[in-house]
Amino acid sequence: MDRVRTLLETPKRPERMWPVVGAAVLLAISALTFATAMILAPPLTSEHIAHQRGVD
């Protein structure tokens, strides 16, 4: 009887990992892009550059 029940059960499909891997890759690429932009961006200044150099 157990064998009949196992044969009548609908086969379970294995879960696909591609959506999870795709989301992780997208998150990693965006994190690296933002980190690169932060490194390459010029520093912010709160005062005018000519004021720091003493130029009037």
Protein backbone atom coordinates (compact mmCIF):
# COMPACT_ATOMS: atom_id res chain seq x y z
CA MET A 1 0.00 0.00 0.00
CA ASP A 2 2.89 2.38 0.71
CA ARG A 3 4.30 1.75 -2.74
CA VAL A 4 0.95 2.67 -4.32
CA ARG A 5 0.81 5.91 -2.34
CA THR A 6 4.32 6.88 -3.43
CA LEU A 7 3.48 6.14 -7.06
CA LEU A 8 0.27 8.19 -6.89
CA GLU A 9 1.93 11.25 -5.33
CA THR A 10 2.73 14.06 -7.71
CA PRO A 11 6.47 14.24 -8.27
CA LYS A 12 8.07 17.18 -6.53
CA ARG A 13 10.13 19.42 -8.74
CA PRO A 14 13.50 20.47 -7.38
CA GLU A 15 13.78 24.15 -6.61
CA ARG A 16 15.62 26.19 -9.18
CA MET A 17 18.66 28.10 -7.97
CA TRP A 18 19.04 30.42 -10.97
CA PRO A 19 16.80 33.20 -9.60
CA VAL A 20 18.71 33.23 -6.32
CA VAL A 21 22.09 33.22 -8.05
CA GLY A 22 20.94 35.93 -10.47
CA ALA A 23 19.80 38.18 -7.62
CA ALA A 24 23.10 37.66 -5.78
CA VAL A 25 25.10 38.51 -8.91
CA LEU A 26 23.03 41.64 -9.53
CA LEU A 27 23.51 42.76 -5.93
CA ALA A 28 27.27 42.12 -6.10
CA ILE A 29 27.63 44.06 -9.36
CA SER A 30 25.67 47.02 -8.02
CA ALA A 31 27.72 47.04 -4.79
CA LEU A 32 30.98 47.01 -6.74
CA THR A 33 29.70 49.78 -9.02
CA PHE A 34 28.77 52.01 -6.09
CA ALA A 35 32.09 51.31 -4.36
CA THR A 36 34.00 52.21 -7.52
CA ALA A 37 32.00 55.43 -7.89
CA MET A 38 32.76 56.38 -4.29
CA ILE A 39 36.49 55.80 -4.81
CA LEU A 40 36.68 57.66 -8.12
CA ALA A 41 34.45 60.60 -7.13
CA PRO A 42 36.26 63.81 -6.23
CA PRO A 43 36.18 64.77 -2.54
CA LEU A 44 33.52 67.21 -1.41
CA THR A 45 34.67 70.61 -0.19
CA SER A 46 32.69 72.81 2.16
CA GLU A 47 34.63 75.98 1.34
CA HIS A 48 35.54 77.61 -1.93
CA ILE A 49 38.92 76.50 -3.29
CA ALA A 50 40.06 80.07 -4.00
CA HIS A 51 39.39 80.98 -0.37
CA GLN A 52 41.67 78.18 0.80
CA ARG A 53 44.48 79.29 -1.52
CA GLY A 54 44.27 82.91 -0.39
CA VAL A 55 43.26 84.19 -3.82
CA ASP A 56 40.89 87.14 -3.74
